[in-house]
Amino acid sequence: MFDFEKLDLYQKSLEMIKIVYNQTKQFPIDERFGLTNQYRRAANSVALNIGEGYGETIPLSLKYIKTSKGSIRECLVCSEIALQQNYIDQYQYDEIRKILTELSKMASGYKKYLERKLDSK
């Protein structure tokens, strides 16, 4: 097991990815290279950047966590578009929004932790 796999933030990102993949399975086929692809890539980017940045220098780790936070916001926009287009229902939207909110708070907490670590040097 790699150290980053123990992070609650990473585990929550995997949970979010599973939901995004389940939701996008019901999107219209003509969205395959549009919203489906964009939403899945943004979701994957959250976990990928957490894993990639973990254990690097603090400034580099901060860069990766900031990228993850951007991808979380991107997922929110994708979910809002999906709701507006009736690709997902209100319940599905509320479910993903709750997880994205939790992820955003967790990522902000991790970012603050890294910033404190950097300031103490």
C-alpha atoms as a PDB file:
ATOM      1  CA  MET A   1       0.000   0.000   0.000  1.00  0.00           C
ATOM      2  CA  PHE A   2       1.224   3.481  -0.866  1.00  0.00           C
ATOM      3  CA  ASP A   3       0.958   6.124   1.850  1.00  0.00           C
ATOM      4  CA  PHE A   4      -1.478   8.329  -0.070  1.00  0.00           C
ATOM      5  CA  GLU A   5      -3.972   5.454  -0.226  1.00  0.00           C
ATOM      6  CA  LYS A   6      -4.526   5.908   3.511  1.00  0.00           C
ATOM      7  CA  LEU A   7      -5.728   9.492   3.049  1.00  0.00           C
ATOM      8  CA  ASP A   8      -9.460   9.963   3.617  1.00  0.00           C
ATOM      9  CA  LEU A   9      -9.303  12.570   0.863  1.00  0.00           C
ATOM     10  CA  TYR A  10      -8.045   9.981  -1.620  1.00  0.00           C
ATOM     11  CA  GLN A  11     -10.604   7.372  -0.545  1.00  0.00           C
ATOM     12  CA  LYS A  12     -13.432   9.919  -0.864  1.00  0.00           C
ATOM     13  CA  SER A  13     -12.198  10.822  -4.356  1.00  0.00           C
ATOM     14  CA  LEU A  14     -12.483   7.158  -5.380  1.00  0.00           C
ATOM     15  CA  GLU A  15     -16.041   7.108  -4.041  1.00  0.00           C
ATOM     16  CA  MET A  16     -16.837  10.186  -6.123  1.00  0.00           C
ATOM     17  CA  ILE A  17     -15.329   8.608  -9.259  1.00  0.00           C
ATOM     18  CA  LYS A  18     -17.557   5.563  -8.849  1.00  0.00           C
ATOM     19  CA  ILE A  19     -20.644   7.774  -8.667  1.00  0.00           C
ATOM     20  CA  VAL A  20     -19.572   9.820 -11.700  1.00  0.00           C
ATOM     21  CA  TYR A  21     -19.030   6.680 -13.768  1.00  0.00           C
ATOM     22  CA  ASN A  22     -22.416   5.296 -12.732  1.00  0.00           C
ATOM     23  CA  GLN A  23     -24.142   8.571 -13.564  1.00  0.00           C
ATOM     24  CA  THR A  24     -22.447   9.002 -16.930  1.00  0.00           C
ATOM     25  CA  LYS A  25     -23.415   5.481 -18.043  1.00  0.00           C
ATOM     26  CA  GLN A  26     -26.928   6.836 -18.518  1.00  0.00           C
ATOM     27  CA  PHE A  27     -25.868   9.893 -20.549  1.00  0.00           C
ATOM     28  CA  PRO A  28     -26.856   9.937 -24.235  1.00  0.00           C
ATOM     29  CA  ILE A  29     -24.430   8.206 -26.579  1.00  0.00           C
ATOM     30  CA  ASP A  30     -23.795  11.477 -28.422  1.00  0.00           C
ATOM     31  CA  GLU A  31     -22.272  12.863 -25.196  1.00  0.00           C
ATOM     32  CA  ARG A  32     -19.601  10.136 -25.196  1.00  0.00           C
ATOM     33  CA  PHE A  33     -16.909  12.528 -26.447  1.00  0.00           C
ATOM     34  CA  GLY A  34     -18.463  15.581 -24.809  1.00  0.00           C
ATOM     35  CA  LEU A  35     -19.810  15.851 -21.302  1.00  0.00           C
ATOM     36  CA  THR A  36     -19.320  12.165 -20.426  1.00  0.00           C
ATOM     37  CA  ASN A  37     -15.634  12.313 -21.264  1.00  0.00           C
ATOM     38  CA  GLN A  38     -15.083  15.690 -19.603  1.00  0.00           C
ATOM     39  CA  TYR A  39     -16.896  14.700 -16.397  1.00  0.00           C
ATOM     40  CA  ARG A  40     -14.988  11.422 -16.089  1.00  0.00           C
ATOM     41  CA  ARG A  41     -11.630  13.053 -16.788  1.00  0.00           C
ATOM     42  CA  ALA A  42     -12.286  15.748 -14.188  1.00  0.00           C
ATOM     43  CA  ALA A  43     -13.311  13.119 -11.622  1.00  0.00           C
ATOM     44  CA  ASN A  44     -10.235  11.019 -12.319  1.00  0.00           C
ATOM     45  CA  SER A  45      -8.048  14.106 -12.116  1.00  0.00           C
ATOM     46  CA  VAL A  46      -8.979  14.627  -8.467  1.00  0.00           C
ATOM     47  CA  ALA A  47      -7.593  11.246  -7.387  1.00  0.00           C
ATOM     48  CA  LEU A  48      -4.715  11.278  -9.855  1.00  0.00           C
ATOM     49  CA  ASN A  49      -3.413  14.611  -8.606  1.00  0.00           C
ATOM     50  CA  ILE A  50      -3.727  13.578  -4.957  1.00  0.00           C
ATOM     51  CA  GLY A  51      -1.680  10.480  -5.666  1.00  0.00           C
ATOM     52  CA  GLU A  52       0.848  12.241  -7.868  1.00  0.00           C
ATOM     53  CA  GLY A  53       1.476  15.086  -5.445  1.00  0.00           C
ATOM     54  CA  TYR A  54       1.687  13.046  -2.263  1.00  0.00           C
ATOM     55  CA  GLY A  55       5.203  12.722  -0.910  1.00  0.00           C
ATOM     56  CA  GLU A  56       6.670  15.354  -3.203  1.00  0.00           C
ATOM     57  CA  THR A  57       8.162  18.598  -1.957  1.00  0.00           C
ATOM     58  CA  ILE A  58       5.622  20.748  -0.134  1.00  0.00           C
ATOM     59  CA  PRO A  59       5.441  23.386  -2.904  1.00  0.00           C
ATOM     60  CA  LEU A  60       4.883  20.648  -5.486  1.00  0.00           C
ATOM     61  CA  SER A  61       2.303  18.914  -3.275  1.00  0.00           C
ATOM     62  CA  LEU A  62       0.482  22.251  -2.963  1.00  0.00           C
ATOM     63  CA  LYS A  63       0.430  22.604  -6.742  1.00  0.00           C
ATOM     64  CA  TYR A  64      -1.152  19.181  -7.125  1.00  0.00           C
ATOM     65  CA  ILE A  65      -3.757  19.739  -4.406  1.00  0.00           C
ATOM     66  CA  LYS A  66      -4.716  23.057  -6.028  1.00  0.00           C
ATOM     67  CA  THR A  67      -5.183  21.204  -9.314  1.00  0.00           C
ATOM     68  CA  SER A  68      -7.364  18.647  -7.508  1.00  0.00           C
ATOM     69  CA  LYS A  69      -9.496  21.457  -6.082  1.00  0.00           C
ATOM     70  CA  GLY A  70      -9.950  22.842  -9.602  1.00  0.00           C
ATOM     71  CA  SER A  71     -11.065  19.428 -10.812  1.00  0.00           C
ATOM     72  CA  ILE A  72     -13.575  19.208  -7.968  1.00  0.00           C
ATOM     73  CA  ARG A  73     -15.088  22.504  -9.140  1.00  0.00           C
ATOM     74  CA  GLU A  74     -15.058  21.222 -12.717  1.00  0.00           C
ATOM     75  CA  CYS A  75     -17.036  18.153 -11.590  1.00  0.00           C
ATOM     76  CA  LEU A  76     -19.582  20.420  -9.963  1.00  0.00           C
ATOM     77  CA  VAL A  77     -20.085  22.316 -13.215  1.00  0.00           C
ATOM     78  CA  CYS A  78     -20.390  19.045 -15.153  1.00  0.00           C
ATOM     79  CA  SER A  79     -23.017  17.803 -12.702  1.00  0.00           C
ATOM     80  CA  GLU A  80     -24.957  21.055 -13.032  1.00  0.00           C
ATOM     81  CA  ILE A  81     -24.912  20.749 -16.818  1.00  0.00           C
ATOM     82  CA  ALA A  82     -26.046  17.123 -16.541  1.00  0.00           C
ATOM     83  CA  LEU A  83     -28.932  18.188 -14.312  1.00  0.00           C
ATOM     84  CA  GLN A  84     -29.970  21.002 -16.682  1.00  0.00           C
ATOM     85  CA  GLN A  85     -29.894  18.588 -19.615  1.00  0.00           C
ATOM     86  CA  ASN A  86     -31.936  16.037 -17.645  1.00  0.00           C
ATOM     87  CA  TYR A  87     -29.147  13.446 -17.849  1.00  0.00           C
ATOM     88  CA  ILE A  88     -29.344  13.077 -14.067  1.00  0.00           C
ATOM     89  CA  ASP A  89     -32.192  13.734 -11.673  1.00  0.00           C
ATOM     90  CA  GLN A  90     -32.247  16.006  -8.621  1.00  0.00           C
ATOM     91  CA  TYR A  91     -31.442  13.124  -6.259  1.00  0.00           C
ATOM     92  CA  GLN A  92     -28.319  12.191  -8.257  1.00  0.00           C
ATOM     93  CA  TYR A  93     -27.280  15.825  -8.411  1.00  0.00           C
ATOM     94  CA  ASP A  94     -27.713  16.249  -4.656  1.00  0.00           C
ATOM     95  CA  GLU A  95     -25.719  13.045  -4.058  1.00  0.00           C
ATOM     96  CA  ILE A  96     -22.723  14.153  -6.125  1.00  0.00           C
ATOM     97  CA  ARG A  97     -22.887  17.738  -4.841  1.00  0.00           C
ATOM     98  CA  LYS A  98     -22.696  16.480  -1.247  1.00  0.00           C
ATOM     99  CA  ILE A  99     -19.606  14.403  -2.003  1.00  0.00           C
ATOM    100  CA  LEU A 100     -17.979  17.220  -3.974  1.00  0.00           C
ATOM    101  CA  THR A 101     -18.597  19.598  -1.050  1.00  0.00           C
ATOM    102  CA  GLU A 102     -16.991  17.121   1.346  1.00  0.00           C
ATOM    103  CA  LEU A 103     -14.058  16.632  -1.017  1.00  0.00           C
ATOM    104  CA  SER A 104     -13.570  20.368  -1.371  1.00  0.00           C
ATOM    105  CA  LYS A 105     -13.477  20.828   2.404  1.00  0.00           C
ATOM    106  CA  MET A 106     -11.083  17.910   2.815  1.00  0.00           C
ATOM    107  CA  ALA A 107      -8.807  19.237   0.066  1.00  0.00           C
ATOM    108  CA  SER A 108      -8.835  22.705   1.663  1.00  0.00           C
ATOM    109  CA  GLY A 109      -7.903  21.175   5.009  1.00  0.00           C
ATOM    110  CA  TYR A 110      -5.065  19.230   3.439  1.00  0.00           C
ATOM    111  CA  LYS A 111      -3.883  22.369   1.642  1.00  0.00           C
ATOM    112  CA  LYS A 112      -3.849  24.306   4.941  1.00  0.00           C
ATOM    113  CA  TYR A 113      -1.934  21.463   6.572  1.00  0.00           C
ATOM    114  CA  LEU A 114       0.697  21.626   3.831  1.00  0.00           C
ATOM    115  CA  GLU A 115       0.889  25.424   4.056  1.00  0.00           C
ATOM    116  CA  ARG A 116       1.455  25.242   7.840  1.00  0.00           C
ATOM    117  CA  LYS A 117       4.163  22.647   7.266  1.00  0.00           C
ATOM    118  CA  LEU A 118       5.803  24.934   4.724  1.00  0.00           C
ATOM    119  CA  ASP A 119       5.589  27.968   7.021  1.00  0.00           C
ATOM    120  CA  SER A 120       7.194  26.073   9.905  1.00  0.00           C
ATOM    121  CA  LYS A 121      10.358  25.422   7.910  1.00  0.00           C
END
